[in-house]
Full PDB file with SEQRES, HELIX, SHEET, SSBOND, CRYST1, ORIGX, SCALE, CONECT and MASTER records, all heavy atoms in Angstrom:
SEQRES   1 A   40  ASP HIS ASN CYS GLN HIS ILE ILE LYS ASN ASP VAL ILE          
SEQRES   2 A   40  LEU SER PHE ARG ALA GLY ASP ASP ASN LYS ALA ASN GLU          
SEQRES   3 A   40  LEU MET LEU SER LEU GLU GLU GLN GLY HIS HIS PRO GLU          
SEQRES   4 A   40  ASN                                                          
HELIX    1 AA1 GLN A    5  ILE A    7  5                                   3    
HELIX    2 AA2 ASP A   21  GLU A   33  1                                  13    
CRYST1    1.000    1.000    1.000  90.00  90.00  90.00 P 1           1          
ORIGX1      1.000000  0.000000  0.000000        0.00000                         
ORIGX2      0.000000  1.000000  0.000000        0.00000                         
ORIGX3      0.000000  0.000000  1.000000        0.00000                         
SCALE1      1.000000  0.000000  0.000000        0.00000                         
SCALE2      0.000000  1.000000  0.000000        0.00000                         
SCALE3      0.000000  0.000000  1.000000        0.00000                         
ATOM      1  N   ASP A   1       0.898  -1.286   0.008  1.00  0.00           N  
ATOM      2  CA  ASP A   1       0.007   0.005  -0.004  1.00  0.00           C  
ATOM      3  C   ASP A   1       0.898   1.266   0.023  1.00  0.00           C  
ATOM      4  O   ASP A   1       0.454   2.330  -0.441  1.00  0.00           O  
ATOM      5  CB  ASP A   1      -0.831   0.055   1.213  1.00  0.00           C  
ATOM      6  CG  ASP A   1      -2.032  -1.023   1.189  1.00  0.00           C  
ATOM      7  OD1 ASP A   1      -2.191  -1.628   0.116  1.00  0.00           O  
ATOM      8  OD2 ASP A   1      -2.581  -1.272   2.175  1.00  0.00           O  
ATOM      9  N   HIS A   2       2.114   1.212   0.611  1.00  0.00           N  
ATOM     10  CA  HIS A   2       3.021   2.376   0.675  1.00  0.00           C  
ATOM     11  C   HIS A   2       4.025   2.263  -0.416  1.00  0.00           C  
ATOM     12  O   HIS A   2       5.153   2.962  -0.171  1.00  0.00           O  
ATOM     13  CB  HIS A   2       3.472   2.447   2.023  1.00  0.00           C  
ATOM     14  CG  HIS A   2       2.474   2.898   2.988  1.00  0.00           C  
ATOM     15  ND1 HIS A   2       1.564   2.043   3.724  1.00  0.00           N  
ATOM     16  CD2 HIS A   2       2.111   4.113   3.558  1.00  0.00           C  
ATOM     17  CE1 HIS A   2       0.800   2.604   4.466  1.00  0.00           C  
ATOM     18  NE2 HIS A   2       1.122   3.963   4.401  1.00  0.00           N  
ATOM     19  N   ASN A   3       3.803   1.515  -1.437  1.00  0.00           N  
ATOM     20  CA  ASN A   3       4.885   1.371  -2.511  1.00  0.00           C  
ATOM     21  C   ASN A   3       6.234   1.037  -2.100  1.00  0.00           C  
ATOM     22  O   ASN A   3       7.246   1.533  -2.647  1.00  0.00           O  
ATOM     23  CB  ASN A   3       4.859   2.673  -3.401  1.00  0.00           C  
ATOM     24  CG  ASN A   3       5.388   2.467  -4.755  1.00  0.00           C  
ATOM     25  OD1 ASN A   3       5.318   1.374  -5.318  1.00  0.00           O  
ATOM     26  ND2 ASN A   3       5.993   3.450  -5.395  1.00  0.00           N  
ATOM     27  N   CYS A   4       6.212   0.062  -1.101  1.00  0.00           N  
ATOM     28  CA  CYS A   4       7.532  -0.340  -0.582  1.00  0.00           C  
ATOM     29  C   CYS A   4       7.692  -1.948  -0.725  1.00  0.00           C  
ATOM     30  O   CYS A   4       8.672  -2.471  -0.042  1.00  0.00           O  
ATOM     31  CB  CYS A   4       7.704  -0.038   0.907  1.00  0.00           C  
ATOM     32  SG  CYS A   4       7.808   1.747   1.203  1.00  0.00           S  
ATOM     33  N   GLN A   5       6.860  -2.419  -1.544  1.00  0.00           N  
ATOM     34  CA  GLN A   5       6.982  -3.956  -1.743  1.00  0.00           C  
ATOM     35  C   GLN A   5       8.221  -4.465  -2.355  1.00  0.00           C  
ATOM     36  O   GLN A   5       8.576  -5.755  -2.361  1.00  0.00           O  
ATOM     37  CB  GLN A   5       5.743  -4.513  -2.538  1.00  0.00           C  
ATOM     38  CG  GLN A   5       5.690  -4.123  -4.010  1.00  0.00           C  
ATOM     39  CD  GLN A   5       5.068  -2.663  -4.260  1.00  0.00           C  
ATOM     40  OE1 GLN A   5       4.835  -1.931  -3.315  1.00  0.00           O  
ATOM     41  NE2 GLN A   5       4.785  -2.485  -5.497  1.00  0.00           N  
ATOM     42  N   HIS A   6       9.031  -3.580  -2.813  1.00  0.00           N  
ATOM     43  CA  HIS A   6      10.359  -3.926  -3.432  1.00  0.00           C  
ATOM     44  C   HIS A   6      11.295  -4.652  -2.398  1.00  0.00           C  
ATOM     45  O   HIS A   6      12.295  -5.243  -2.786  1.00  0.00           O  
ATOM     46  CB  HIS A   6      11.101  -2.755  -4.009  1.00  0.00           C  
ATOM     47  CG  HIS A   6      11.441  -1.763  -3.103  1.00  0.00           C  
ATOM     48  ND1 HIS A   6      10.435  -0.683  -2.641  1.00  0.00           N  
ATOM     49  CD2 HIS A   6      12.621  -1.438  -2.384  1.00  0.00           C  
ATOM     50  CE1 HIS A   6      11.061   0.035  -1.735  1.00  0.00           C  
ATOM     51  NE2 HIS A   6      12.254  -0.405  -1.608  1.00  0.00           N  
ATOM     52  N   ILE A   7      11.061  -4.480  -1.051  1.00  0.00           N  
ATOM     53  CA  ILE A   7      11.903  -5.154   0.001  1.00  0.00           C  
ATOM     54  C   ILE A   7      11.444  -6.599   0.192  1.00  0.00           C  
ATOM     55  O   ILE A   7      12.063  -7.343   0.872  1.00  0.00           O  
ATOM     56  CB  ILE A   7      12.071  -4.363   1.244  1.00  0.00           C  
ATOM     57  CG1 ILE A   7      10.748  -4.321   1.913  1.00  0.00           C  
ATOM     58  CG2 ILE A   7      12.554  -2.946   0.897  1.00  0.00           C  
ATOM     59  CD1 ILE A   7      10.950  -3.759   3.372  1.00  0.00           C  
ATOM     60  N   ILE A   8      10.239  -7.036  -0.268  1.00  0.00           N  
ATOM     61  CA  ILE A   8       9.702  -8.332  -0.089  1.00  0.00           C  
ATOM     62  C   ILE A   8      10.340  -9.259  -1.097  1.00  0.00           C  
ATOM     63  O   ILE A   8      10.265  -8.966  -2.275  1.00  0.00           O  
ATOM     64  CB  ILE A   8       8.193  -8.356  -0.160  1.00  0.00           C  
ATOM     65  CG1 ILE A   8       7.569  -7.458   0.838  1.00  0.00           C  
ATOM     66  CG2 ILE A   8       7.721  -9.756   0.168  1.00  0.00           C  
ATOM     67  CD1 ILE A   8       6.012  -7.323   0.701  1.00  0.00           C  
ATOM     68  N   LYS A   9      10.815 -10.338  -0.653  1.00  0.00           N  
ATOM     69  CA  LYS A   9      11.396 -11.424  -1.497  1.00  0.00           C  
ATOM     70  C   LYS A   9      10.386 -12.518  -1.591  1.00  0.00           C  
ATOM     71  O   LYS A   9       9.577 -12.713  -0.608  1.00  0.00           O  
ATOM     72  CB  LYS A   9      12.702 -11.970  -1.011  1.00  0.00           C  
ATOM     73  CG  LYS A   9      13.834 -11.011  -1.014  1.00  0.00           C  
ATOM     74  CD  LYS A   9      15.170 -11.729  -1.055  1.00  0.00           C  
ATOM     75  CE  LYS A   9      16.322 -10.711  -1.134  1.00  0.00           C  
ATOM     76  NZ  LYS A   9      16.506 -10.017  -2.364  1.00  0.00           N  
ATOM     77  N   ASN A  10      10.241 -13.203  -2.709  1.00  0.00           N  
ATOM     78  CA  ASN A  10       9.348 -14.350  -2.991  1.00  0.00           C  
ATOM     79  C   ASN A  10      10.173 -15.495  -3.454  1.00  0.00           C  
ATOM     80  O   ASN A  10      10.648 -15.488  -4.498  1.00  0.00           O  
ATOM     81  CB  ASN A  10       8.264 -13.949  -3.977  1.00  0.00           C  
ATOM     82  CG  ASN A  10       7.203 -14.990  -4.080  1.00  0.00           C  
ATOM     83  OD1 ASN A  10       7.267 -16.076  -3.597  1.00  0.00           O  
ATOM     84  ND2 ASN A  10       6.085 -14.563  -4.582  1.00  0.00           N  
ATOM     85  N   ASP A  11      10.438 -16.539  -2.551  1.00  0.00           N  
ATOM     86  CA  ASP A  11      11.185 -17.639  -2.910  1.00  0.00           C  
ATOM     87  C   ASP A  11      10.463 -18.890  -3.358  1.00  0.00           C  
ATOM     88  O   ASP A  11       9.444 -19.247  -2.618  1.00  0.00           O  
ATOM     89  CB  ASP A  11      12.083 -17.941  -1.688  1.00  0.00           C  
ATOM     90  CG  ASP A  11      13.101 -17.017  -1.281  1.00  0.00           C  
ATOM     91  OD1 ASP A  11      13.335 -16.115  -2.100  1.00  0.00           O  
ATOM     92  OD2 ASP A  11      13.606 -17.125  -0.275  1.00  0.00           O  
ATOM     93  N   VAL A  12      10.897 -19.470  -4.339  1.00  0.00           N  
ATOM     94  CA  VAL A  12      10.314 -20.754  -4.782  1.00  0.00           C  
ATOM     95  C   VAL A  12      11.603 -21.573  -5.155  1.00  0.00           C  
ATOM     96  O   VAL A  12      12.227 -21.509  -6.203  1.00  0.00           O  
ATOM     97  CB  VAL A  12       9.536 -20.645  -6.182  1.00  0.00           C  
ATOM     98  CG1 VAL A  12       8.994 -21.945  -6.640  1.00  0.00           C  
ATOM     99  CG2 VAL A  12       8.347 -19.598  -5.958  1.00  0.00           C  
ATOM    100  N   ILE A  13      12.028 -22.356  -4.155  1.00  0.00           N  
ATOM    101  CA  ILE A  13      13.279 -23.086  -4.112  1.00  0.00           C  
ATOM    102  C   ILE A  13      14.463 -22.174  -4.410  1.00  0.00           C  
ATOM    103  O   ILE A  13      15.443 -22.159  -3.629  1.00  0.00           O  
ATOM    104  CB  ILE A  13      13.337 -24.303  -5.129  1.00  0.00           C  
ATOM    105  CG1 ILE A  13      12.101 -25.260  -4.905  1.00  0.00           C  
ATOM    106  CG2 ILE A  13      14.601 -25.042  -5.044  1.00  0.00           C  
ATOM    107  CD1 ILE A  13      12.088 -25.951  -3.615  1.00  0.00           C  
ATOM    108  N   LEU A  14      14.393 -21.452  -5.517  1.00  0.00           N  
ATOM    109  CA  LEU A  14      15.505 -20.571  -5.764  1.00  0.00           C  
ATOM    110  C   LEU A  14      14.867 -19.150  -5.304  1.00  0.00           C  
ATOM    111  O   LEU A  14      13.764 -18.834  -5.320  1.00  0.00           O  
ATOM    112  CB  LEU A  14      15.873 -20.553  -7.213  1.00  0.00           C  
ATOM    113  CG  LEU A  14      14.774 -20.252  -8.204  1.00  0.00           C  
ATOM    114  CD1 LEU A  14      15.281 -19.139  -9.183  1.00  0.00           C  
ATOM    115  CD2 LEU A  14      14.452 -21.517  -9.012  1.00  0.00           C  
ATOM    116  N   SER A  15      15.860 -18.244  -5.179  1.00  0.00           N  
ATOM    117  CA  SER A  15      15.378 -16.846  -4.686  1.00  0.00           C  
ATOM    118  C   SER A  15      15.169 -15.993  -5.930  1.00  0.00           C  
ATOM    119  O   SER A  15      15.884 -15.952  -6.792  1.00  0.00           O  
ATOM    120  CB  SER A  15      16.497 -16.293  -3.834  1.00  0.00           C  
ATOM    121  OG  SER A  15      16.557 -16.916  -2.598  1.00  0.00           O  
ATOM    122  N   PHE A  16      14.052 -15.313  -5.866  1.00  0.00           N  
ATOM    123  CA  PHE A  16      13.771 -14.292  -6.915  1.00  0.00           C  
ATOM    124  C   PHE A  16      14.091 -12.864  -6.358  1.00  0.00           C  
ATOM    125  O   PHE A  16      14.080 -12.736  -5.096  1.00  0.00           O  
ATOM    126  CB  PHE A  16      12.243 -14.297  -7.171  1.00  0.00           C  
ATOM    127  CG  PHE A  16      11.804 -15.443  -8.092  1.00  0.00           C  
ATOM    128  CD1 PHE A  16      11.753 -16.703  -7.478  1.00  0.00           C  
ATOM    129  CD2 PHE A  16      11.659 -15.274  -9.450  1.00  0.00           C  
ATOM    130  CE1 PHE A  16      11.421 -17.832  -8.187  1.00  0.00           C  
ATOM    131  CE2 PHE A  16      11.252 -16.339 -10.187  1.00  0.00           C  
ATOM    132  CZ  PHE A  16      11.183 -17.616  -9.669  1.00  0.00           C  
ATOM    133  N   ARG A  17      14.419 -12.006  -7.254  1.00  0.00           N  
ATOM    134  CA  ARG A  17      14.747 -10.687  -6.816  1.00  0.00           C  
ATOM    135  C   ARG A  17      13.490 -10.007  -6.197  1.00  0.00           C  
ATOM    136  O   ARG A  17      12.292 -10.394  -6.505  1.00  0.00           O  
ATOM    137  CB  ARG A  17      15.178  -9.761  -7.976  1.00  0.00           C  
ATOM    138  CG  ARG A  17      16.634 -10.138  -8.437  1.00  0.00           C  
ATOM    139  CD  ARG A  17      17.039  -9.212  -9.524  1.00  0.00           C  
ATOM    140  NE  ARG A  17      15.909  -9.151 -10.442  1.00  0.00           N  
ATOM    141  CZ  ARG A  17      16.028  -8.233 -11.425  1.00  0.00           C  
ATOM    142  NH1 ARG A  17      17.044  -7.468 -11.669  1.00  0.00           N  
ATOM    143  NH2 ARG A  17      15.005  -8.138 -12.276  1.00  0.00           N  
ATOM    144  N   ALA A  18      13.698  -9.012  -5.425  1.00  0.00           N  
ATOM    145  CA  ALA A  18      12.552  -8.377  -4.799  1.00  0.00           C  
ATOM    146  C   ALA A  18      11.597  -7.665  -5.883  1.00  0.00           C  
ATOM    147  O   ALA A  18      12.134  -7.219  -6.863  1.00  0.00           O  
ATOM    148  CB  ALA A  18      12.884  -7.218  -3.913  1.00  0.00           C  
ATOM    149  N   GLY A  19      10.275  -7.888  -5.737  1.00  0.00           N  
ATOM    150  CA  GLY A  19       9.334  -7.383  -6.755  1.00  0.00           C  
ATOM    151  C   GLY A  19       9.043  -8.309  -7.881  1.00  0.00           C  
ATOM    152  O   GLY A  19       8.353  -7.927  -8.749  1.00  0.00           O  
ATOM    153  N   ASP A  20       9.637  -9.467  -7.994  1.00  0.00           N  
ATOM    154  CA  ASP A  20       9.436 -10.465  -9.049  1.00  0.00           C  
ATOM    155  C   ASP A  20       8.241 -11.425  -8.735  1.00  0.00           C  
ATOM    156  O   ASP A  20       8.366 -12.628  -8.951  1.00  0.00           O  
ATOM    157  CB  ASP A  20      10.713 -11.175  -9.366  1.00  0.00           C  
ATOM    158  CG  ASP A  20      11.622 -10.344 -10.289  1.00  0.00           C  
ATOM    159  OD1 ASP A  20      11.221  -9.220 -10.755  1.00  0.00           O  
ATOM    160  OD2 ASP A  20      12.732 -10.844 -10.492  1.00  0.00           O  
ATOM    161  N   ASP A  21       7.215 -10.990  -8.022  1.00  0.00           N  
ATOM    162  CA  ASP A  21       6.209 -11.901  -7.593  1.00  0.00           C  
ATOM    163  C   ASP A  21       5.428 -12.499  -8.710  1.00  0.00           C  
ATOM    164  O   ASP A  21       5.109 -13.700  -8.693  1.00  0.00           O  
ATOM    165  CB  ASP A  21       5.073 -10.960  -6.808  1.00  0.00           C  
ATOM    166  CG  ASP A  21       5.596 -10.575  -5.422  1.00  0.00           C  
ATOM    167  OD1 ASP A  21       6.661 -11.171  -4.957  1.00  0.00           O  
ATOM    168  OD2 ASP A  21       5.008  -9.673  -4.891  1.00  0.00           O  
ATOM    169  N   ASN A  22       5.228 -11.778  -9.817  1.00  0.00           N  
ATOM    170  CA  ASN A  22       4.577 -12.417 -10.971  1.00  0.00           C  
ATOM    171  C   ASN A  22       5.343 -13.573 -11.667  1.00  0.00           C  
ATOM    172  O   ASN A  22       4.739 -14.626 -11.821  1.00  0.00           O  
ATOM    173  CB  ASN A  22       4.231 -11.387 -12.088  1.00  0.00           C  
ATOM    174  CG  ASN A  22       3.215 -10.283 -11.645  1.00  0.00           C  
ATOM    175  OD1 ASN A  22       2.457 -10.636 -10.706  1.00  0.00           O  
ATOM    176  ND2 ASN A  22       3.195  -9.279 -12.259  1.00  0.00           N  
ATOM    177  N   LYS A  23       6.648 -13.411 -11.664  1.00  0.00           N  
ATOM    178  CA  LYS A  23       7.517 -14.427 -12.294  1.00  0.00           C  
ATOM    179  C   LYS A  23       7.492 -15.681 -11.309  1.00  0.00           C  
ATOM    180  O   LYS A  23       7.429 -16.839 -11.747  1.00  0.00           O  
ATOM    181  CB  LYS A  23       8.943 -13.986 -12.453  1.00  0.00           C  
ATOM    182  CG  LYS A  23       9.098 -12.935 -13.536  1.00  0.00           C  
ATOM    183  CD  LYS A  23      10.555 -12.535 -13.737  1.00  0.00           C  
ATOM    184  CE  LYS A  23      10.756 -11.595 -14.838  1.00  0.00           C  
ATOM    185  NZ  LYS A  23      12.133 -11.065 -14.894  1.00  0.00           N  
ATOM    186  N   ALA A  24       7.501 -15.399 -10.048  1.00  0.00           N  
ATOM    187  CA  ALA A  24       7.474 -16.490  -9.022  1.00  0.00           C  
ATOM    188  C   ALA A  24       6.195 -17.272  -9.126  1.00  0.00           C  
ATOM    189  O   ALA A  24       6.178 -18.539  -9.009  1.00  0.00           O  
ATOM    190  CB  ALA A  24       7.712 -15.960  -7.733  1.00  0.00           C  
ATOM    191  N   ASN A  25       5.101 -16.506  -9.282  1.00  0.00           N  
ATOM    192  CA  ASN A  25       3.807 -17.257  -9.365  1.00  0.00           C  
ATOM    193  C   ASN A  25       3.567 -18.044 -10.600  1.00  0.00           C  
ATOM    194  O   ASN A  25       3.077 -19.066 -10.548  1.00  0.00           O  
ATOM    195  CB  ASN A  25       2.636 -16.159  -9.212  1.00  0.00           C  
ATOM    196  CG  ASN A  25       2.573 -15.538  -7.836  1.00  0.00           C  
ATOM    197  OD1 ASN A  25       2.920 -16.233  -6.816  1.00  0.00           O  
ATOM    198  ND2 ASN A  25       2.083 -14.363  -7.738  1.00  0.00           N  
ATOM    199  N   GLU A  26       4.112 -17.469 -11.689  1.00  0.00           N  
ATOM    200  CA  GLU A  26       4.131 -18.172 -12.973  1.00  0.00           C  
ATOM    201  C   GLU A  26       4.906 -19.474 -12.963  1.00  0.00           C  
ATOM    202  O   GLU A  26       4.416 -20.569 -13.312  1.00  0.00           O  
ATOM    203  CB  GLU A  26       4.614 -17.372 -14.108  1.00  0.00           C  
ATOM    204  CG  GLU A  26       3.644 -16.178 -14.501  1.00  0.00           C  
ATOM    205  CD  GLU A  26       4.265 -15.217 -15.557  1.00  0.00           C  
ATOM    206  OE1 GLU A  26       5.353 -15.647 -16.201  1.00  0.00           O  
ATOM    207  OE2 GLU A  26       3.824 -14.195 -15.713  1.00  0.00           O  
ATOM    208  N   LEU A  27       6.062 -19.462 -12.282  1.00  0.00           N  
ATOM    209  CA  LEU A  27       6.894 -20.606 -12.114  1.00  0.00           C  
ATOM    210  C   LEU A  27       6.228 -21.607 -11.258  1.00  0.00           C  
ATOM    211  O   LEU A  27       6.241 -22.865 -11.546  1.00  0.00           O  
ATOM    212  CB  LEU A  27       8.311 -20.301 -11.703  1.00  0.00           C  
ATOM    213  CG  LEU A  27       9.271 -21.436 -11.418  1.00  0.00           C  
ATOM    214  CD1 LEU A  27       9.448 -22.266 -12.756  1.00  0.00           C  
ATOM    215  CD2 LEU A  27      10.512 -20.984 -10.744  1.00  0.00           C  
ATOM    216  N   MET A  28       5.568 -21.137 -10.121  1.00  0.00           N  
ATOM    217  CA  MET A  28       4.858 -22.047  -9.311  1.00  0.00           C  
ATOM    218  C   MET A  28       3.748 -22.871  -9.958  1.00  0.00           C  
ATOM    219  O   MET A  28       3.663 -23.999  -9.826  1.00  0.00           O  
ATOM    220  CB  MET A  28       4.200 -21.257  -8.095  1.00  0.00           C  
ATOM    221  CG  MET A  28       5.206 -20.645  -7.035  1.00  0.00           C  
ATOM    222  SD  MET A  28       5.792 -21.855  -5.978  1.00  0.00           S  
ATOM    223  CE  MET A  28       4.344 -22.156  -4.962  1.00  0.00           C  
ATOM    224  N   LEU A  29       3.029 -21.981 -10.681  1.00  0.00           N  
ATOM    225  CA  LEU A  29       1.896 -22.654 -11.451  1.00  0.00           C  
ATOM    226  C   LEU A  29       2.479 -23.625 -12.525  1.00  0.00           C  
ATOM    227  O   LEU A  29       1.948 -24.776 -12.635  1.00  0.00           O  
ATOM    228  CB  LEU A  29       1.085 -21.575 -12.174  1.00  0.00           C  
ATOM    229  CG  LEU A  29       0.124 -20.811 -11.340  1.00  0.00           C  
ATOM    230  CD1 LEU A  29      -0.458 -19.597 -12.106  1.00  0.00           C  
ATOM    231  CD2 LEU A  29      -0.874 -21.629 -10.698  1.00  0.00           C  
ATOM    232  N   SER A  30       3.538 -23.261 -13.180  1.00  0.00           N  
ATOM    233  CA  SER A  30       4.140 -24.145 -14.195  1.00  0.00           C  
ATOM    234  C   SER A  30       4.651 -25.462 -13.544  1.00  0.00           C  
ATOM    235  O   SER A  30       4.402 -26.603 -14.156  1.00  0.00           O  
ATOM    236  CB  SER A  30       5.222 -23.415 -14.931  1.00  0.00           C  
ATOM    237  OG  SER A  30       5.968 -24.348 -15.720  1.00  0.00           O  
ATOM    238  N   LEU A  31       5.367 -25.343 -12.429  1.00  0.00           N  
ATOM    239  CA  LEU A  31       5.832 -26.539 -11.729  1.00  0.00           C  
ATOM    240  C   LEU A  31       4.682 -27.393 -11.244  1.00  0.00           C  
ATOM    241  O   LEU A  31       4.851 -28.646 -11.352  1.00  0.00           O  
ATOM    242  CB  LEU A  31       6.721 -26.125 -10.549  1.00  0.00           C  
ATOM    243  CG  LEU A  31       8.120 -25.525 -10.938  1.00  0.00           C  
ATOM    244  CD1 LEU A  31       8.751 -24.862  -9.752  1.00  0.00           C  
ATOM    245  CD2 LEU A  31       8.940 -26.534 -11.651  1.00  0.00           C  
ATOM    246  N   GLU A  32       3.622 -26.787 -10.745  1.00  0.00           N  
ATOM    247  CA  GLU A  32       2.425 -27.586 -10.224  1.00  0.00           C  
ATOM    248  C   GLU A  32       1.816 -28.329 -11.446  1.00  0.00           C  
ATOM    249  O   GLU A  32       1.379 -29.454 -11.293  1.00  0.00           O  
ATOM    250  CB  GLU A  32       1.433 -26.636  -9.591  1.00  0.00           C  
ATOM    251  CG  GLU A  32       1.937 -26.261  -8.161  1.00  0.00           C  
ATOM    252  CD  GLU A  32       1.006 -25.292  -7.509  1.00  0.00           C  
ATOM    253  OE1 GLU A  32      -0.058 -24.773  -8.010  1.00  0.00           O  
ATOM    254  OE2 GLU A  32       1.406 -24.822  -6.386  1.00  0.00           O  
ATOM    255  N   GLU A  33       1.753 -27.636 -12.612  1.00  0.00           N  
ATOM    256  CA  GLU A  33       1.211 -28.318 -13.788  1.00  0.00           C  
ATOM    257  C   GLU A  33       1.980 -29.507 -14.214  1.00  0.00           C  
ATOM    258  O   GLU A  33       1.556 -30.589 -14.773  1.00  0.00           O  
ATOM    259  CB  GLU A  33       1.048 -27.373 -14.949  1.00  0.00           C  
ATOM    260  CG  GLU A  33      -0.051 -26.313 -14.790  1.00  0.00           C  
ATOM    261  CD  GLU A  33       0.093 -25.219 -15.796  1.00  0.00           C  
ATOM    262  OE1 GLU A  33       0.896 -25.206 -16.723  1.00  0.00           O  
ATOM    263  OE2 GLU A  33      -0.943 -24.295 -15.738  1.00  0.00           O  
ATOM    264  N   GLN A  34       3.287 -29.499 -13.891  1.00  0.00           N  
ATOM    265  CA  GLN A  34       4.256 -30.661 -14.189  1.00  0.00           C  
ATOM    266  C   GLN A  34       4.228 -31.621 -13.183  1.00  0.00           C  
ATOM    267  O   GLN A  34       4.983 -32.658 -13.202  1.00  0.00           O  
ATOM    268  CB  GLN A  34       5.567 -30.093 -14.461  1.00  0.00           C  
ATOM    269  CG  GLN A  34       5.711 -29.094 -15.594  1.00  0.00           C  
ATOM    270  CD  GLN A  34       7.193 -28.543 -15.691  1.00  0.00           C  
ATOM    271  OE1 GLN A  34       8.113 -29.036 -15.161  1.00  0.00           O  
ATOM    272  NE2 GLN A  34       7.209 -27.165 -16.054  1.00  0.00           N  
ATOM    273  N   GLY A  35       3.383 -31.557 -12.130  1.00  0.00           N  
ATOM    274  CA  GLY A  35       3.287 -32.578 -11.114  1.00  0.00           C  
ATOM    275  C   GLY A  35       4.215 -32.336  -9.866  1.00  0.00           C  
ATOM    276  O   GLY A  35       4.291 -33.184  -9.018  1.00  0.00           O  
ATOM    277  N   HIS A  36       4.988 -31.142  -9.930  1.00  0.00           N  
ATOM    278  CA  HIS A  36       5.817 -30.798  -8.726  1.00  0.00           C  
ATOM    279  C   HIS A  36       4.919 -30.160  -7.679  1.00  0.00           C  
ATOM    280  O   HIS A  36       3.862 -29.536  -7.929  1.00  0.00           O  
ATOM    281  CB  HIS A  36       6.935 -29.949  -9.134  1.00  0.00           C  
ATOM    282  CG  HIS A  36       7.797 -30.650 -10.265  1.00  0.00           C  
ATOM    283  ND1 HIS A  36       8.556 -31.720 -10.005  1.00  0.00           N  
ATOM    284  CD2 HIS A  36       7.833 -30.446 -11.540  1.00  0.00           C  
ATOM    285  CE1 HIS A  36       9.198 -32.105 -11.119  1.00  0.00           C  
ATOM    286  NE2 HIS A  36       8.790 -31.244 -12.135  1.00  0.00           N  
ATOM    287  N   HIS A  37       5.437 -30.098  -6.469  1.00  0.00           N  
ATOM    288  CA  HIS A  37       4.806 -29.375  -5.360  1.00  0.00           C  
ATOM    289  C   HIS A  37       5.750 -28.378  -4.693  1.00  0.00           C  
ATOM    290  O   HIS A  37       6.317 -28.693  -3.606  1.00  0.00           O  
ATOM    291  CB  HIS A  37       4.305 -30.438  -4.329  1.00  0.00           C  
ATOM    292  CG  HIS A  37       3.317 -31.386  -4.886  1.00  0.00           C  
ATOM    293  ND1 HIS A  37       2.145 -31.098  -5.355  1.00  0.00           N  
ATOM    294  CD2 HIS A  37       3.533 -32.774  -5.256  1.00  0.00           C  
ATOM    295  CE1 HIS A  37       1.514 -32.213  -5.924  1.00  0.00           C  
ATOM    296  NE2 HIS A  37       2.385 -33.071  -5.791  1.00  0.00           N  
ATOM    297  N   PRO A  38       6.097 -27.324  -5.371  1.00  0.00           N  
ATOM    298  CA  PRO A  38       7.080 -26.405  -4.759  1.00  0.00           C  
ATOM    299  C   PRO A  38       6.482 -25.629  -3.673  1.00  0.00           C  
ATOM    300  O   PRO A  38       5.217 -25.527  -3.438  1.00  0.00           O  
ATOM    301  CB  PRO A  38       7.233 -25.371  -5.958  1.00  0.00           C  
ATOM    302  CG  PRO A  38       5.921 -25.538  -6.735  1.00  0.00           C  
ATOM    303  CD  PRO A  38       5.529 -26.856  -6.699  1.00  0.00           C  
ATOM    304  N   GLU A  39       7.443 -25.157  -2.727  1.00  0.00           N  
ATOM    305  CA  GLU A  39       7.004 -24.318  -1.654  1.00  0.00           C  
ATOM    306  C   GLU A  39       7.243 -22.897  -2.071  1.00  0.00           C  
ATOM    307  O   GLU A  39       8.266 -22.561  -2.650  1.00  0.00           O  
ATOM    308  CB  GLU A  39       7.805 -24.704  -0.426  1.00  0.00           C  
ATOM    309  CG  GLU A  39       7.485 -26.036   0.188  1.00  0.00           C  
ATOM    310  CD  GLU A  39       8.129 -26.313   1.461  1.00  0.00           C  
ATOM    311  OE1 GLU A  39       8.493 -25.382   2.131  1.00  0.00           O  
ATOM    312  OE2 GLU A  39       8.329 -27.523   1.729  1.00  0.00           O  
ATOM    313  N   ASN A  40       6.348 -21.944  -1.701  1.00  0.00           N  
ATOM    314  CA  ASN A  40       6.459 -20.532  -1.889  1.00  0.00           C  
ATOM    315  C   ASN A  40       6.642 -19.854  -0.557  1.00  0.00           C  
ATOM    316  O   ASN A  40       5.840 -20.002   0.290  1.00  0.00           O  
ATOM    317  CB  ASN A  40       5.212 -20.097  -2.440  1.00  0.00           C  
ATOM    318  CG  ASN A  40       5.315 -18.644  -2.985  1.00  0.00           C  
ATOM    319  OD1 ASN A  40       6.283 -17.970  -2.769  1.00  0.00           O  
ATOM    320  ND2 ASN A  40       4.241 -18.084  -3.600  1.00  0.00           N  
TER     321      ASN A  40                                                      
MASTER        0    0    0    2    0    0    0    6  320    1    0    4          
END                                                                             
């Protein structure tokens, strides 16, 4: 809400840069479609 989300990291086995939430979510969905169960 205060435009500071850039300090939040979103990890899916590997670390994504701050602010890459969309890429992380896309990878999570892709891995789940392939039968994997990644942790976010």
